[in-house]
PDB file of N, CA and C in Angstrom:
ATOM      1  N   MET A   1      -2.261 -62.966 -21.715  1.00  0.00           N
ATOM      2  CA  MET A   1      -1.009 -62.387 -22.456  1.00  0.00           C
ATOM      3  C   MET A   1       0.285 -62.724 -21.432  1.00  0.00           C
ATOM      4  N   ILE A   2       1.335 -63.150 -21.698  1.00  0.00           N
ATOM      5  CA  ILE A   2       2.411 -63.183 -20.942  1.00  0.00           C
ATOM      6  C   ILE A   2       3.640 -62.445 -21.187  1.00  0.00           C
ATOM      7  N   TYR A   3       3.927 -61.718 -20.302  1.00  0.00           N
ATOM      8  CA  TYR A   3       5.027 -61.006 -20.575  1.00  0.00           C
ATOM      9  C   TYR A   3       6.549 -61.423 -20.063  1.00  0.00           C
ATOM     10  N   SER A   4       7.484 -60.830 -20.909  1.00  0.00           N
ATOM     11  CA  SER A   4       8.809 -61.532 -20.396  1.00  0.00           C
ATOM     12  C   SER A   4       9.429 -60.812 -19.363  1.00  0.00           C
ATOM     13  N   PRO A   5      10.055 -61.549 -18.590  1.00  0.00           N
ATOM     14  CA  PRO A   5      10.710 -60.969 -17.380  1.00  0.00           C
ATOM     15  C   PRO A   5      11.586 -59.649 -17.801  1.00  0.00           C
ATOM     16  N   THR A   6      12.059 -59.692 -19.000  1.00  0.00           N
ATOM     17  CA  THR A   6      12.948 -58.404 -19.317  1.00  0.00           C
ATOM     18  C   THR A   6      11.938 -57.259 -19.473  1.00  0.00           C
ATOM     19  N   SER A   7      10.817 -57.275 -20.167  1.00  0.00           N
ATOM     20  CA  SER A   7       9.955 -56.096 -20.295  1.00  0.00           C
ATOM     21  C   SER A   7       9.505 -55.767 -18.999  1.00  0.00           C
ATOM     22  N   SER A   8       9.291 -56.680 -17.989  1.00  0.00           N
ATOM     23  CA  SER A   8       8.749 -56.432 -16.715  1.00  0.00           C
ATOM     24  C   SER A   8       9.626 -55.620 -15.855  1.00  0.00           C
ATOM     25  N   ILE A   9      11.057 -56.079 -16.016  1.00  0.00           N
ATOM     26  CA  ILE A   9      12.184 -55.413 -15.332  1.00  0.00           C
ATOM     27  C   ILE A   9      12.310 -53.982 -15.830  1.00  0.00           C
ATOM     28  N   GLY A  10      12.121 -53.850 -17.255  1.00  0.00           N
ATOM     29  CA  GLY A  10      12.205 -52.582 -18.110  1.00  0.00           C
ATOM     30  C   GLY A  10      11.401 -51.499 -17.539  1.00  0.00           C
ATOM     31  N   LEU A  11      10.098 -52.073 -17.330  1.00  0.00           N
ATOM     32  CA  LEU A  11       8.976 -51.157 -16.936  1.00  0.00           C
ATOM     33  C   LEU A  11       9.071 -50.721 -15.585  1.00  0.00           C
ATOM     34  N   LEU A  12       9.578 -51.733 -14.660  1.00  0.00           N
ATOM     35  CA  LEU A  12       9.809 -51.478 -13.285  1.00  0.00           C
ATOM     36  C   LEU A  12      10.913 -50.421 -13.045  1.00  0.00           C
ATOM     37  N   LEU A  13      11.837 -50.383 -13.860  1.00  0.00           N
ATOM     38  CA  LEU A  13      13.064 -49.488 -13.843  1.00  0.00           C
ATOM     39  C   LEU A  13      12.406 -48.140 -14.388  1.00  0.00           C
ATOM     40  N   LEU A  14      11.707 -48.128 -15.258  1.00  0.00           N
ATOM     41  CA  LEU A  14      10.980 -46.733 -15.901  1.00  0.00           C
ATOM     42  C   LEU A  14      10.326 -46.283 -14.792  1.00  0.00           C
ATOM     43  N   LEU A  15       9.174 -46.963 -14.220  1.00  0.00           N
ATOM     44  CA  LEU A  15       8.637 -46.461 -12.997  1.00  0.00           C
ATOM     45  C   LEU A  15       9.470 -45.798 -12.008  1.00  0.00           C
ATOM     46  N   ILE A  16      10.460 -46.644 -11.773  1.00  0.00           N
ATOM     47  CA  ILE A  16      11.419 -46.053 -10.692  1.00  0.00           C
ATOM     48  C   ILE A  16      11.906 -44.820 -10.893  1.00  0.00           C
ATOM     49  N   GLY A  17      12.392 -44.687 -12.145  1.00  0.00           N
ATOM     50  CA  GLY A  17      12.945 -43.434 -12.397  1.00  0.00           C
ATOM     51  C   GLY A  17      12.126 -42.298 -12.353  1.00  0.00           C
ATOM     52  N   PHE A  18      10.778 -42.526 -12.928  1.00  0.00           N
ATOM     53  CA  PHE A  18       9.960 -41.538 -12.856  1.00  0.00           C
ATOM     54  C   PHE A  18       9.670 -41.011 -11.294  1.00  0.00           C
ATOM     55  N   ALA A  19       9.757 -41.939 -10.517  1.00  0.00           N
ATOM     56  CA  ALA A  19       9.351 -41.614  -8.955  1.00  0.00           C
ATOM     57  C   ALA A  19      10.492 -41.064  -8.323  1.00  0.00           C
ATOM     58  N   VAL A  20      11.633 -41.520  -8.769  1.00  0.00           N
ATOM     59  CA  VAL A  20      13.103 -40.754  -8.068  1.00  0.00           C
ATOM     60  C   VAL A  20      13.062 -39.314  -8.869  1.00  0.00           C
ATOM     61  N   ALA A  21      12.820 -39.244 -10.072  1.00  0.00           N
ATOM     62  CA  ALA A  21      12.973 -37.818 -10.533  1.00  0.00           C
ATOM     63  C   ALA A  21      11.682 -36.927  -9.955  1.00  0.00           C
ATOM     64  N   GLY A  22      10.934 -37.305  -9.734  1.00  0.00           N
ATOM     65  CA  GLY A  22       9.487 -36.412  -8.942  1.00  0.00           C
ATOM     66  C   GLY A  22       8.883 -35.691 -10.046  1.00  0.00           C
ATOM     67  N   PRO A  23       7.794 -35.017  -9.435  1.00  0.00           N
ATOM     68  CA  PRO A  23       7.258 -34.080 -10.740  1.00  0.00           C
ATOM     69  C   PRO A  23       8.098 -32.969 -11.055  1.00  0.00           C
ATOM     70  N   GLU A  24       7.788 -32.298 -12.139  1.00  0.00           N
ATOM     71  CA  GLU A  24       8.596 -31.223 -12.756  1.00  0.00           C
ATOM     72  C   GLU A  24       8.272 -30.010 -11.828  1.00  0.00           C
ATOM     73  N   SER A  25       9.390 -29.189 -11.291  1.00  0.00           N
ATOM     74  CA  SER A  25       9.127 -28.260 -10.559  1.00  0.00           C
ATOM     75  C   SER A  25       8.485 -27.066 -11.244  1.00  0.00           C
ATOM     76  N   ASP A  26       8.764 -26.798 -12.334  1.00  0.00           N
ATOM     77  CA  ASP A  26       7.837 -25.654 -13.065  1.00  0.00           C
ATOM     78  C   ASP A  26       7.998 -26.104 -14.499  1.00  0.00           C
ATOM     79  N   PRO A  27       6.553 -26.619 -14.871  1.00  0.00           N
ATOM     80  CA  PRO A  27       6.295 -26.833 -16.326  1.00  0.00           C
ATOM     81  C   PRO A  27       6.419 -25.749 -17.351  1.00  0.00           C
ATOM     82  N   ARG A  28       6.501 -24.773 -17.000  1.00  0.00           N
ATOM     83  CA  ARG A  28       6.606 -23.638 -17.892  1.00  0.00           C
ATOM     84  C   ARG A  28       7.942 -23.470 -18.651  1.00  0.00           C
ATOM     85  N   PRO A  29       8.259 -23.014 -19.743  1.00  0.00           N
ATOM     86  CA  PRO A  29       9.520 -22.881 -20.467  1.00  0.00           C
ATOM     87  C   PRO A  29      10.203 -21.697 -19.793  1.00  0.00           C
ATOM     88  N   ARG A  30      11.733 -21.765 -19.799  1.00  0.00           N
ATOM     89  CA  ARG A  30      12.396 -20.917 -19.164  1.00  0.00           C
ATOM     90  C   ARG A  30      12.151 -19.534 -19.704  1.00  0.00           C
ATOM     91  N   ALA A  31      11.660 -19.173 -20.884  1.00  0.00           N
ATOM     92  CA  ALA A  31      11.387 -17.894 -21.194  1.00  0.00           C
ATOM     93  C   ALA A  31      10.185 -17.199 -20.561  1.00  0.00           C
ATOM     94  N   VAL A  32       9.163 -18.259 -20.416  1.00  0.00           N
ATOM     95  CA  VAL A  32       8.088 -17.762 -19.765  1.00  0.00           C
ATOM     96  C   VAL A  32       8.381 -17.618 -18.081  1.00  0.00           C
ATOM     97  N   HIS A  33       9.288 -18.416 -17.425  1.00  0.00           N
ATOM     98  CA  HIS A  33       9.359 -18.348 -16.189  1.00  0.00           C
ATOM     99  C   HIS A  33      10.249 -17.093 -15.885  1.00  0.00           C
ATOM    100  N   PHE A  34      11.193 -16.620 -16.697  1.00  0.00           N
ATOM    101  CA  PHE A  34      12.196 -15.428 -16.929  1.00  0.00           C
ATOM    102  C   PHE A  34      11.100 -14.138 -16.911  1.00  0.00           C
ATOM    103  N   SER A  35      10.135 -14.056 -17.655  1.00  0.00           N
ATOM    104  CA  SER A  35       9.165 -13.166 -17.829  1.00  0.00           C
ATOM    105  C   SER A  35       8.365 -12.837 -16.802  1.00  0.00           C
ATOM    106  N   ALA A  36       7.947 -14.121 -16.098  1.00  0.00           N
ATOM    107  CA  ALA A  36       7.172 -13.681 -14.802  1.00  0.00           C
ATOM    108  C   ALA A  36       7.961 -13.273 -13.797  1.00  0.00           C
ATOM    109  N   CYS A  37       9.439 -13.628 -13.503  1.00  0.00           N
ATOM    110  CA  CYS A  37      10.163 -13.192 -12.649  1.00  0.00           C
ATOM    111  C   CYS A  37      10.469 -11.592 -13.022  1.00  0.00           C
ATOM    112  N   GLN A  38      10.398 -11.213 -14.495  1.00  0.00           N
ATOM    113  CA  GLN A  38      10.746 -10.051 -14.488  1.00  0.00           C
ATOM    114  C   GLN A  38       9.499  -9.038 -14.228  1.00  0.00           C
ATOM    115  N   GLU A  39       8.198  -9.634 -14.369  1.00  0.00           N
ATOM    116  CA  GLU A  39       7.051  -8.779 -14.185  1.00  0.00           C
ATOM    117  C   GLU A  39       6.953  -8.583 -12.545  1.00  0.00           C
ATOM    118  N   HIS A  40       7.378  -9.820 -11.788  1.00  0.00           N
ATOM    119  CA  HIS A  40       7.445  -9.689 -10.329  1.00  0.00           C
ATOM    120  C   HIS A  40       8.417  -8.580  -9.749  1.00  0.00           C
ATOM    121  N   THR A  41       9.487  -8.424 -10.592  1.00  0.00           N
ATOM    122  CA  THR A  41      10.567  -7.500 -10.359  1.00  0.00           C
ATOM    123  C   THR A  41      10.164  -5.970 -10.431  1.00  0.00           C
ATOM    124  N   ASN A  42       9.506  -5.972 -11.790  1.00  0.00           N
ATOM    125  CA  ASN A  42       8.923  -4.734 -12.125  1.00  0.00           C
ATOM    126  C   ASN A  42       7.903  -4.279 -11.100  1.00  0.00           C
ATOM    127  N   LEU A  43       6.999  -5.233 -10.574  1.00  0.00           N
ATOM    128  CA  LEU A  43       6.116  -4.733  -9.899  1.00  0.00           C
ATOM    129  C   LEU A  43       6.403  -4.077  -8.562  1.00  0.00           C
ATOM    130  N   HIS A  44       7.395  -4.979  -8.156  1.00  0.00           N
ATOM    131  CA  HIS A  44       8.075  -4.435  -6.821  1.00  0.00           C
ATOM    132  C   HIS A  44       8.557  -2.915  -7.017  1.00  0.00           C
ATOM    133  N   HIS A  45       9.371  -2.963  -8.327  1.00  0.00           N
ATOM    134  CA  HIS A  45       9.775  -1.346  -8.390  1.00  0.00           C
ATOM    135  C   HIS A  45       8.941  -0.442  -8.370  1.00  0.00           C
ATOM    136  N   ARG A  46       7.764  -0.737  -9.157  1.00  0.00           N
ATOM    137  CA  ARG A  46       6.601   0.279  -9.158  1.00  0.00           C
ATOM    138  C   ARG A  46       5.956   0.681  -7.876  1.00  0.00           C
ATOM    139  N   MET A  47       5.897  -0.531  -6.796  1.00  0.00           N
ATOM    140  CA  MET A  47       5.570  -0.231  -5.449  1.00  0.00           C
ATOM    141  C   MET A  47       6.417   0.405  -4.935  1.00  0.00           C
ATOM    142  N   ASP A  48       7.756   0.413  -4.924  1.00  0.00           N
ATOM    143  CA  ASP A  48       8.580   1.129  -4.230  1.00  0.00           C
ATOM    144  C   ASP A  48       8.322   2.703  -4.713  1.00  0.00           C
ATOM    145  N   VAL A  49       8.348   2.754  -5.902  1.00  0.00           N
ATOM    146  CA  VAL A  49       7.880   4.203  -6.466  1.00  0.00           C
ATOM    147  C   VAL A  49       7.072   4.720  -5.937  1.00  0.00           C
ATOM    148  N   VAL A  50       5.720   4.217  -5.766  1.00  0.00           N
ATOM    149  CA  VAL A  50       4.536   4.587  -5.190  1.00  0.00           C
ATOM    150  C   VAL A  50       4.698   5.061  -3.672  1.00  0.00           C
ATOM    151  N   GLU A  51       5.461   3.849  -3.127  1.00  0.00           N
ATOM    152  CA  GLU A  51       5.520   4.228  -1.591  1.00  0.00           C
ATOM    153  C   GLU A  51       6.521   5.469  -1.346  1.00  0.00           C
ATOM    154  N   LYS A  52       7.378   5.676  -2.081  1.00  0.00           N
ATOM    155  CA  LYS A  52       8.235   6.826  -1.897  1.00  0.00           C
ATOM    156  C   LYS A  52       7.321   8.144  -2.322  1.00  0.00           C
ATOM    157  N   LYS A  53       6.408   8.033  -3.325  1.00  0.00           N
ATOM    158  CA  LYS A  53       5.818   9.249  -3.576  1.00  0.00           C
ATOM    159  C   LYS A  53       4.717   9.555  -2.440  1.00  0.00           C
ATOM    160  N   VAL A  54       4.223   8.513  -1.789  1.00  0.00           N
ATOM    161  CA  VAL A  54       3.270   8.583  -0.679  1.00  0.00           C
ATOM    162  C   VAL A  54       3.999   9.234   0.698  1.00  0.00           C
ATOM    163  N   GLU A  55       5.473   8.872   0.883  1.00  0.00           N
ATOM    164  CA  GLU A  55       6.165   9.204   1.819  1.00  0.00           C
ATOM    165  C   GLU A  55       6.427  10.794   1.791  1.00  0.00           C
ATOM    166  N   ASP A  56       6.794  11.012   0.642  1.00  0.00           N
ATOM    167  CA  ASP A  56       7.000  12.500   0.140  1.00  0.00           C
ATOM    168  C   ASP A  56       5.760  13.349   0.234  1.00  0.00           C
ATOM    169  N   THR A  57       4.682  12.947  -0.040  1.00  0.00           N
ATOM    170  CA  THR A  57       3.421  13.746  -0.029  1.00  0.00           C
ATOM    171  C   THR A  57       2.923  13.606   1.581  1.00  0.00           C
ATOM    172  N   VAL A  58       3.179  12.778   2.479  1.00  0.00           N
ATOM    173  CA  VAL A  58       2.974  12.903   3.882  1.00  0.00           C
ATOM    174  C   VAL A  58       3.735  13.815   4.415  1.00  0.00           C
ATOM    175  N   GLU A  59       5.386  14.013   4.117  1.00  0.00           N
ATOM    176  CA  GLU A  59       6.209  14.935   4.570  1.00  0.00           C
ATOM    177  C   GLU A  59       5.633  16.258   4.190  1.00  0.00           C
ATOM    178  N   LYS A  60       5.232  16.522   2.864  1.00  0.00           N
ATOM    179  CA  LYS A  60       4.870  17.712   2.569  1.00  0.00           C
ATOM    180  C   LYS A  60       3.633  18.307   3.594  1.00  0.00           C
ATOM    181  N   LEU A  61       2.574  17.431   3.567  1.00  0.00           N
ATOM    182  CA  LEU A  61       1.465  17.548   4.230  1.00  0.00           C
ATOM    183  C   LEU A  61       1.819  18.148   5.813  1.00  0.00           C
ATOM    184  N   GLU A  62       2.792  17.377   6.354  1.00  0.00           N
ATOM    185  CA  GLU A  62       3.082  17.479   7.791  1.00  0.00           C
ATOM    186  C   GLU A  62       3.695  18.974   7.966  1.00  0.00           C
ATOM    187  N   VAL A  63       4.456  19.528   6.920  1.00  0.00           N
ATOM    188  CA  VAL A  63       4.852  20.812   6.834  1.00  0.00           C
ATOM    189  C   VAL A  63       3.934  21.775   6.671  1.00  0.00           C
ATOM    190  N   GLU A  64       3.042  21.595   5.908  1.00  0.00           N
ATOM    191  CA  GLU A  64       1.819  22.274   5.544  1.00  0.00           C
ATOM    192  C   GLU A  64       0.857  22.625   7.045  1.00  0.00           C
ATOM    193  N   LEU A  65       0.718  21.294   7.496  1.00  0.00           N
ATOM    194  CA  LEU A  65      -0.192  21.368   8.666  1.00  0.00           C
ATOM    195  C   LEU A  65       0.536  22.077   9.808  1.00  0.00           C
ATOM    196  N   ALA A  66       1.889  21.833   9.982  1.00  0.00           N
ATOM    197  CA  ALA A  66       2.628  22.687  10.984  1.00  0.00           C
ATOM    198  C   ALA A  66       2.534  24.175  10.886  1.00  0.00           C
ATOM    199  N   ALA A  67       2.696  24.707   9.570  1.00  0.00           N
ATOM    200  CA  ALA A  67       2.593  25.956   9.183  1.00  0.00           C
ATOM    201  C   ALA A  67       1.325  26.582   9.646  1.00  0.00           C
ATOM    202  N   LEU A  68       0.104  25.681   9.223  1.00  0.00           N
ATOM    203  CA  LEU A  68      -1.253  26.323   9.553  1.00  0.00           C
ATOM    204  C   LEU A  68      -1.577  26.374  10.867  1.00  0.00           C
ATOM    205  N   LEU A  69      -0.816  25.277  11.744  1.00  0.00           N
ATOM    206  CA  LEU A  69      -1.191  25.409  13.177  1.00  0.00           C
ATOM    207  C   LEU A  69      -0.383  26.633  13.851  1.00  0.00           C
ATOM    208  N   GLU A  70       0.709  26.906  13.274  1.00  0.00           N
ATOM    209  CA  GLU A  70       1.625  27.978  13.477  1.00  0.00           C
ATOM    210  C   GLU A  70       0.747  29.279  13.200  1.00  0.00           C
ATOM    211  N   ALA A  71       0.206  29.335  12.230  1.00  0.00           N
ATOM    212  CA  ALA A  71      -0.451  30.693  11.820  1.00  0.00           C
ATOM    213  C   ALA A  71      -2.002  30.806  12.664  1.00  0.00           C
ATOM    214  N   VAL A  72      -2.488  29.615  13.106  1.00  0.00           N
ATOM    215  CA  VAL A  72      -3.682  29.638  13.808  1.00  0.00           C
ATOM    216  C   VAL A  72      -3.342  30.213  15.326  1.00  0.00           C
ATOM    217  N   GLU A  73      -2.229  29.783  15.797  1.00  0.00           N
ATOM    218  CA  GLU A  73      -1.766  30.024  17.137  1.00  0.00           C
ATOM    219  C   GLU A  73      -1.011  31.447  17.170  1.00  0.00           C
ATOM    220  N   ALA A  74      -1.147  32.299  15.956  1.00  0.00           N
ATOM    221  CA  ALA A  74      -0.333  33.410  16.085  1.00  0.00           C
ATOM    222  C   ALA A  74      -1.027  34.414  16.957  1.00  0.00           C
ATOM    223  N   PRO A  75      -0.530  35.420  17.308  1.00  0.00           N
ATOM    224  CA  PRO A  75      -1.237  36.608  18.096  1.00  0.00           C
ATOM    225  C   PRO A  75      -2.359  37.031  17.225  1.00  0.00           C
ATOM    226  N   THR A  76      -2.668  37.156  16.149  1.00  0.00           N
ATOM    227  CA  THR A  76      -3.674  37.722  15.469  1.00  0.00           C
ATOM    228  C   THR A  76      -4.986  36.915  15.506  1.00  0.00           C
ATOM    229  N   TRP A  77      -4.682  35.557  15.796  1.00  0.00           N
ATOM    230  CA  TRP A  77      -5.952  34.743  16.206  1.00  0.00           C
ATOM    231  C   TRP A  77      -6.306  34.493  17.471  1.00  0.00           C
ATOM    232  N   ARG A  78      -5.253  34.734  18.093  1.00  0.00           N
ATOM    233  CA  ARG A  78      -5.391  34.338  19.736  1.00  0.00           C
ATOM    234  C   ARG A  78      -6.585  34.773  20.618  1.00  0.00           C
ATOM    235  N   PRO A  79      -7.111  36.065  20.152  1.00  0.00           N
ATOM    236  CA  PRO A  79      -8.200  36.661  21.121  1.00  0.00           C
ATOM    237  C   PRO A  79      -9.601  35.658  20.472  1.00  0.00           C
ATOM    238  N   LEU A  80      -9.598  35.396  19.347  1.00  0.00           N
ATOM    239  CA  LEU A  80     -10.942  34.413  18.873  1.00  0.00           C
ATOM    240  C   LEU A  80     -10.647  32.926  19.701  1.00  0.00           C
ATOM    241  N   LEU A  81      -9.613  32.582  19.967  1.00  0.00           N
ATOM    242  CA  LEU A  81      -9.539  31.423  20.599  1.00  0.00           C
ATOM    243  C   LEU A  81      -9.406  31.136  22.064  1.00  0.00           C
ATOM    244  N   ASP A  82      -9.231  32.404  22.665  1.00  0.00           N
ATOM    245  CA  ASP A  82      -9.255  32.336  24.244  1.00  0.00           C
ATOM    246  C   ASP A  82     -10.616  33.028  24.766  1.00  0.00           C
ATOM    247  N   ASN A  83     -11.612  32.537  24.470  1.00  0.00           N
ATOM    248  CA  ASN A  83     -12.844  32.892  25.202  1.00  0.00           C
ATOM    249  C   ASN A  83     -13.650  32.031  26.071  1.00  0.00           C
ATOM    250  N   ASN A  84     -12.881  31.171  26.716  1.00  0.00           N
ATOM    251  CA  ASN A  84     -13.412  30.171  27.560  1.00  0.00           C
ATOM    252  C   ASN A  84     -14.303  29.306  26.762  1.00  0.00           C
ATOM    253  N   GLY A  85     -14.204  28.956  25.989  1.00  0.00           N
ATOM    254  CA  GLY A  85     -15.262  27.896  25.231  1.00  0.00           C
ATOM    255  C   GLY A  85     -16.152  28.610  24.482  1.00  0.00           C
ATOM    256  N   LYS A  86     -16.360  29.939  24.400  1.00  0.00           N
ATOM    257  CA  LYS A  86     -17.240  30.794  23.504  1.00  0.00           C
ATOM    258  C   LYS A  86     -16.460  31.464  22.469  1.00  0.00           C
ATOM    259  N   THR A  87     -17.067  31.463  21.354  1.00  0.00           N
ATOM    260  CA  THR A  87     -16.511  32.244  20.062  1.00  0.00           C
ATOM    261  C   THR A  87     -17.302  33.512  20.093  1.00  0.00           C
ATOM    262  N   ASP A  88     -16.587  34.460  19.355  1.00  0.00           N
ATOM    263  CA  ASP A  88     -16.950  35.727  19.272  1.00  0.00           C
ATOM    264  C   ASP A  88     -18.212  35.750  18.228  1.00  0.00           C
ATOM    265  N   VAL A  89     -18.214  35.057  17.349  1.00  0.00           N
ATOM    266  CA  VAL A  89     -19.459  34.939  16.534  1.00  0.00           C
ATOM    267  C   VAL A  89     -19.798  33.432  16.357  1.00  0.00           C
ATOM    268  N   ASP A  90     -21.121  33.117  16.496  1.00  0.00           N
ATOM    269  CA  ASP A  90     -21.640  31.871  16.020  1.00  0.00           C
ATOM    270  C   ASP A  90     -22.284  31.983  14.859  1.00  0.00           C
ATOM    271  N   ILE A  91     -21.704  31.029  13.697  1.00  0.00           N
ATOM    272  CA  ILE A  91     -22.220  31.184  12.532  1.00  0.00           C
ATOM    273  C   ILE A  91     -23.415  30.770  12.429  1.00  0.00           C
ATOM    274  N   LEU A  92     -23.991  29.875  13.377  1.00  0.00           N
ATOM    275  CA  LEU A  92     -25.262  29.077  13.136  1.00  0.00           C
ATOM    276  C   LEU A  92     -26.396  29.943  14.147  1.00  0.00           C
ATOM    277  N   GLU A  93     -26.002  31.104  14.661  1.00  0.00           N
ATOM    278  CA  GLU A  93     -27.023  31.779  15.314  1.00  0.00           C
ATOM    279  C   GLU A  93     -27.470  32.914  14.648  1.00  0.00           C
ATOM    280  N   GLU A  94     -28.989  33.133  14.607  1.00  0.00           N
ATOM    281  CA  GLU A  94     -29.317  34.013  13.735  1.00  0.00           C
ATOM    282  C   GLU A  94     -28.845  35.427  14.123  1.00  0.00           C
ATOM    283  N   PRO A  95     -28.514  36.434  13.184  1.00  0.00           N
ATOM    284  CA  PRO A  95     -28.083  37.730  13.420  1.00  0.00           C
ATOM    285  C   PRO A  95     -28.766  38.557  14.625  1.00  0.00           C
ATOM    286  N   VAL A  96     -30.157  38.392  14.896  1.00  0.00           N
ATOM    287  CA  VAL A  96     -30.989  39.151  15.707  1.00  0.00           C
ATOM    288  C   VAL A  96     -30.538  38.651  17.079  1.00  0.00           C
ATOM    289  N   GLN A  97     -30.291  37.264  17.135  1.00  0.00           N
ATOM    290  CA  GLN A  97     -30.076  36.828  18.492  1.00  0.00           C
ATOM    291  C   GLN A  97     -28.645  37.048  19.086  1.00  0.00           C
ATOM    292  N   ARG A  98     -27.728  37.642  18.296  1.00  0.00           N
ATOM    293  CA  ARG A  98     -26.338  38.045  18.544  1.00  0.00           C
ATOM    294  C   ARG A  98     -26.541  39.041  19.796  1.00  0.00           C
ATOM    295  N   GLN A  99     -25.796  38.756  20.989  1.00  0.00           N
ATOM    296  CA  GLN A  99     -25.933  39.817  22.035  1.00  0.00           C
ATOM    297  C   GLN A  99     -24.767  40.877  21.908  1.00  0.00           C
ATOM    298  N   THR A 100     -23.655  40.568  21.052  1.00  0.00           N
ATOM    299  CA  THR A 100     -22.562  41.538  21.071  1.00  0.00           C
ATOM    300  C   THR A 100     -22.407  41.866  19.529  1.00  0.00           C
ATOM    301  N   PRO A 101     -22.342  43.098  19.146  1.00  0.00           N
ATOM    302  CA  PRO A 101     -21.802  43.417  17.891  1.00  0.00           C
ATOM    303  C   PRO A 101     -20.622  42.724  17.234  1.00  0.00           C
ATOM    304  N   LEU A 102     -20.551  42.679  16.087  1.00  0.00           N
ATOM    305  CA  LEU A 102     -19.279  42.403  15.541  1.00  0.00           C
ATOM    306  C   LEU A 102     -18.293  43.480  15.677  1.00  0.00           C
ATOM    307  N   LYS A 103     -17.132  43.143  15.568  1.00  0.00           N
ATOM    308  CA  LYS A 103     -16.010  43.957  15.698  1.00  0.00           C
ATOM    309  C   LYS A 103     -15.403  44.266  14.442  1.00  0.00           C
TER     310      LYS A 103
END
């Protein structure tokens, strides 16, 4: 089968045009691409909301922990903590083995 030079040149120009144009960057329709971008934006927004809630929770826990530490270090509890490593009452010890009576 013999091809005419015109059809060969036309085919060659068509192939060059495809090569220059390159592959399509995003084969999805514009509406689908916009939808994916919107989902991505929504995901980031939800992650920001969760991050804010976590930060708020951590701040509240820090405040509560500070209040608990302050309460434990209060004068009411100080005698229980200042026994040079020994506690007034050992909860694992049998009541018969206790050397000092409960106050």
